[in-house]
Amino acid sequence: TIHPQNKKVVLVGGSHKPWLYKKSKVYAHCLQRALLRAGQDTELRLNYGTPDQDFYYMSNAKYFVASTGGFSRLIGAMVRHRGGLQWREFDILG
């Protein structure tokens, strides 16, 4: 599992560019499948709410894996500010 105390990994994503959403959705499903095979319970939260709602939701995480974008970096800063732990995508993937 990602972290011994972690009960579930929630994959959050969306796109304001429709031509990119299909690729993002495929990537998220592949990542979910890999996590499930590794024994990690997962949930997909794709295009669930507004970007502001996603920001609030992710900023309150105890553990956060940031991607390379600015939105993700801001969320990571909020998670750290609130006492959570943040990793970057390449820290996890090697």
C-alpha atoms as a PDB file:
ATOM      1  CA  THR A   1       0.000   0.000   0.000  1.00  0.00           C
ATOM      2  CA  ILE A   2       0.998   3.617  -0.344  1.00  0.00           C
ATOM      3  CA  HIS A   3       1.021   4.231   3.415  1.00  0.00           C
ATOM      4  CA  PRO A   4       0.327   1.644   6.118  1.00  0.00           C
ATOM      5  CA  GLN A   5      -2.336   3.792   7.833  1.00  0.00           C
ATOM      6  CA  ASN A   6      -4.000   4.844   4.597  1.00  0.00           C
ATOM      7  CA  LYS A   7      -7.365   3.260   4.000  1.00  0.00           C
ATOM      8  CA  LYS A   8      -8.061   4.634   0.533  1.00  0.00           C
ATOM      9  CA  VAL A   9      -6.393   6.544  -2.281  1.00  0.00           C
ATOM     10  CA  VAL A  10      -8.664   9.037  -4.022  1.00  0.00           C
ATOM     11  CA  LEU A  11      -7.625   9.952  -7.568  1.00  0.00           C
ATOM     12  CA  VAL A  12      -8.926  13.439  -8.346  1.00  0.00           C
ATOM     13  CA  GLY A  13      -8.910  14.911 -11.822  1.00  0.00           C
ATOM     14  CA  GLY A  14     -10.696  16.798 -14.500  1.00  0.00           C
ATOM     15  CA  SER A  15     -10.057  18.985 -17.488  1.00  0.00           C
ATOM     16  CA  HIS A  16     -11.344  22.250 -18.774  1.00  0.00           C
ATOM     17  CA  LYS A  17     -10.066  21.202 -22.207  1.00  0.00           C
ATOM     18  CA  PRO A  18     -12.448  18.550 -23.607  1.00  0.00           C
ATOM     19  CA  TRP A  19      -9.864  17.211 -26.075  1.00  0.00           C
ATOM     20  CA  LEU A  20      -7.553  16.308 -23.165  1.00  0.00           C
ATOM     21  CA  TYR A  21     -10.165  14.792 -20.864  1.00  0.00           C
ATOM     22  CA  LYS A  22     -10.285  11.404 -22.609  1.00  0.00           C
ATOM     23  CA  LYS A  23      -6.525  10.905 -22.161  1.00  0.00           C
ATOM     24  CA  SER A  24      -6.708  12.000 -18.522  1.00  0.00           C
ATOM     25  CA  LYS A  25      -9.558   9.593 -17.857  1.00  0.00           C
ATOM     26  CA  VAL A  26      -7.662   6.671 -19.425  1.00  0.00           C
ATOM     27  CA  TYR A  27      -4.558   7.558 -17.386  1.00  0.00           C
ATOM     28  CA  ALA A  28      -6.583   7.738 -14.155  1.00  0.00           C
ATOM     29  CA  HIS A  29      -8.196   4.356 -14.815  1.00  0.00           C
ATOM     30  CA  CYS A  30      -4.788   2.769 -15.544  1.00  0.00           C
ATOM     31  CA  LEU A  31      -3.395   4.236 -12.331  1.00  0.00           C
ATOM     32  CA  GLN A  32      -6.404   2.976 -10.389  1.00  0.00           C
ATOM     33  CA  ARG A  33      -5.983  -0.514 -11.847  1.00  0.00           C
ATOM     34  CA  ALA A  34      -2.299  -0.576 -10.849  1.00  0.00           C
ATOM     35  CA  LEU A  35      -3.120   0.531  -7.300  1.00  0.00           C
ATOM     36  CA  LEU A  36      -5.875  -2.075  -6.991  1.00  0.00           C
ATOM     37  CA  ARG A  37      -3.466  -4.791  -8.133  1.00  0.00           C
ATOM     38  CA  ALA A  38      -1.052  -3.614  -5.442  1.00  0.00           C
ATOM     39  CA  GLY A  39      -3.803  -4.097  -2.860  1.00  0.00           C
ATOM     40  CA  GLN A  40      -4.688  -0.428  -2.388  1.00  0.00           C
ATOM     41  CA  ASP A  41      -8.362   0.560  -2.134  1.00  0.00           C
ATOM     42  CA  THR A  42      -9.014   3.437  -4.532  1.00  0.00           C
ATOM     43  CA  GLU A  43     -11.759   5.811  -5.580  1.00  0.00           C
ATOM     44  CA  LEU A  44     -11.976   7.871  -8.757  1.00  0.00           C
ATOM     45  CA  ARG A  45     -13.231  11.438  -8.422  1.00  0.00           C
ATOM     46  CA  LEU A  46     -13.138  12.723 -12.003  1.00  0.00           C
ATOM     47  CA  ASN A  47     -14.975  15.902 -13.001  1.00  0.00           C
ATOM     48  CA  TYR A  48     -16.784  15.581  -9.679  1.00  0.00           C
ATOM     49  CA  GLY A  49     -17.162  19.257  -8.892  1.00  0.00           C
ATOM     50  CA  THR A  50     -15.744  22.656  -9.680  1.00  0.00           C
ATOM     51  CA  PRO A  51     -12.001  23.347  -9.527  1.00  0.00           C
ATOM     52  CA  ASP A  52     -12.647  25.294  -6.298  1.00  0.00           C
ATOM     53  CA  GLN A  53     -14.377  22.277  -4.739  1.00  0.00           C
ATOM     54  CA  ASP A  54     -11.532  19.998  -5.837  1.00  0.00           C
ATOM     55  CA  PHE A  55      -8.994  22.455  -4.407  1.00  0.00           C
ATOM     56  CA  TYR A  56     -10.772  22.487  -1.048  1.00  0.00           C
ATOM     57  CA  TYR A  57     -11.144  18.697  -0.999  1.00  0.00           C
ATOM     58  CA  MET A  58      -7.502  17.994  -1.836  1.00  0.00           C
ATOM     59  CA  SER A  59      -6.124  20.764   0.401  1.00  0.00           C
ATOM     60  CA  ASN A  60      -7.610  18.947   3.391  1.00  0.00           C
ATOM     61  CA  ALA A  61      -5.855  15.661   2.625  1.00  0.00           C
ATOM     62  CA  LYS A  62      -3.484  14.102   5.161  1.00  0.00           C
ATOM     63  CA  TYR A  63      -1.319  12.763   2.338  1.00  0.00           C
ATOM     64  CA  PHE A  64      -1.019  14.276  -1.142  1.00  0.00           C
ATOM     65  CA  VAL A  65       0.904  13.291  -4.265  1.00  0.00           C
ATOM     66  CA  ALA A  66       1.396  16.401  -6.392  1.00  0.00           C
ATOM     67  CA  SER A  67       1.629  16.331 -10.158  1.00  0.00           C
ATOM     68  CA  THR A  68       3.722  18.795 -12.151  1.00  0.00           C
ATOM     69  CA  GLY A  69       1.126  21.571 -12.553  1.00  0.00           C
ATOM     70  CA  GLY A  70       0.777  24.828 -10.671  1.00  0.00           C
ATOM     71  CA  PHE A  71      -2.662  23.891  -9.286  1.00  0.00           C
ATOM     72  CA  SER A  72      -1.135  20.770  -7.766  1.00  0.00           C
ATOM     73  CA  ARG A  73       1.814  22.715  -6.299  1.00  0.00           C
ATOM     74  CA  LEU A  74      -0.587  25.134  -4.569  1.00  0.00           C
ATOM     75  CA  ILE A  75      -2.591  22.245  -3.139  1.00  0.00           C
ATOM     76  CA  GLY A  76       0.627  20.605  -1.914  1.00  0.00           C
ATOM     77  CA  ALA A  77       1.578  23.836  -0.136  1.00  0.00           C
ATOM     78  CA  MET A  78      -1.836  23.909   1.570  1.00  0.00           C
ATOM     79  CA  VAL A  79      -1.531  20.256   2.632  1.00  0.00           C
ATOM     80  CA  ARG A  80       1.901  20.944   4.160  1.00  0.00           C
ATOM     81  CA  HIS A  81       0.607  24.133   5.821  1.00  0.00           C
ATOM     82  CA  ARG A  82      -2.179  22.105   7.455  1.00  0.00           C
ATOM     83  CA  GLY A  83       0.337  19.519   8.759  1.00  0.00           C
ATOM     84  CA  GLY A  84      -0.108  16.901   6.027  1.00  0.00           C
ATOM     85  CA  LEU A  85       2.546  15.166   3.976  1.00  0.00           C
ATOM     86  CA  GLN A  86       3.194  15.813   0.307  1.00  0.00           C
ATOM     87  CA  TRP A  87       5.128  13.857  -2.287  1.00  0.00           C
ATOM     88  CA  ARG A  88       5.777  14.761  -5.863  1.00  0.00           C
ATOM     89  CA  GLU A  89       4.746  12.404  -8.636  1.00  0.00           C
ATOM     90  CA  PHE A  90       8.345  11.537  -9.550  1.00  0.00           C
ATOM     91  CA  ASP A  91       9.192  10.754  -5.890  1.00  0.00           C
ATOM     92  CA  ILE A  92       6.596   7.973  -5.996  1.00  0.00           C
ATOM     93  CA  LEU A  93       7.283   6.711  -9.524  1.00  0.00           C
ATOM     94  CA  GLY A  94      11.045   6.620  -9.134  1.00  0.00           C
END
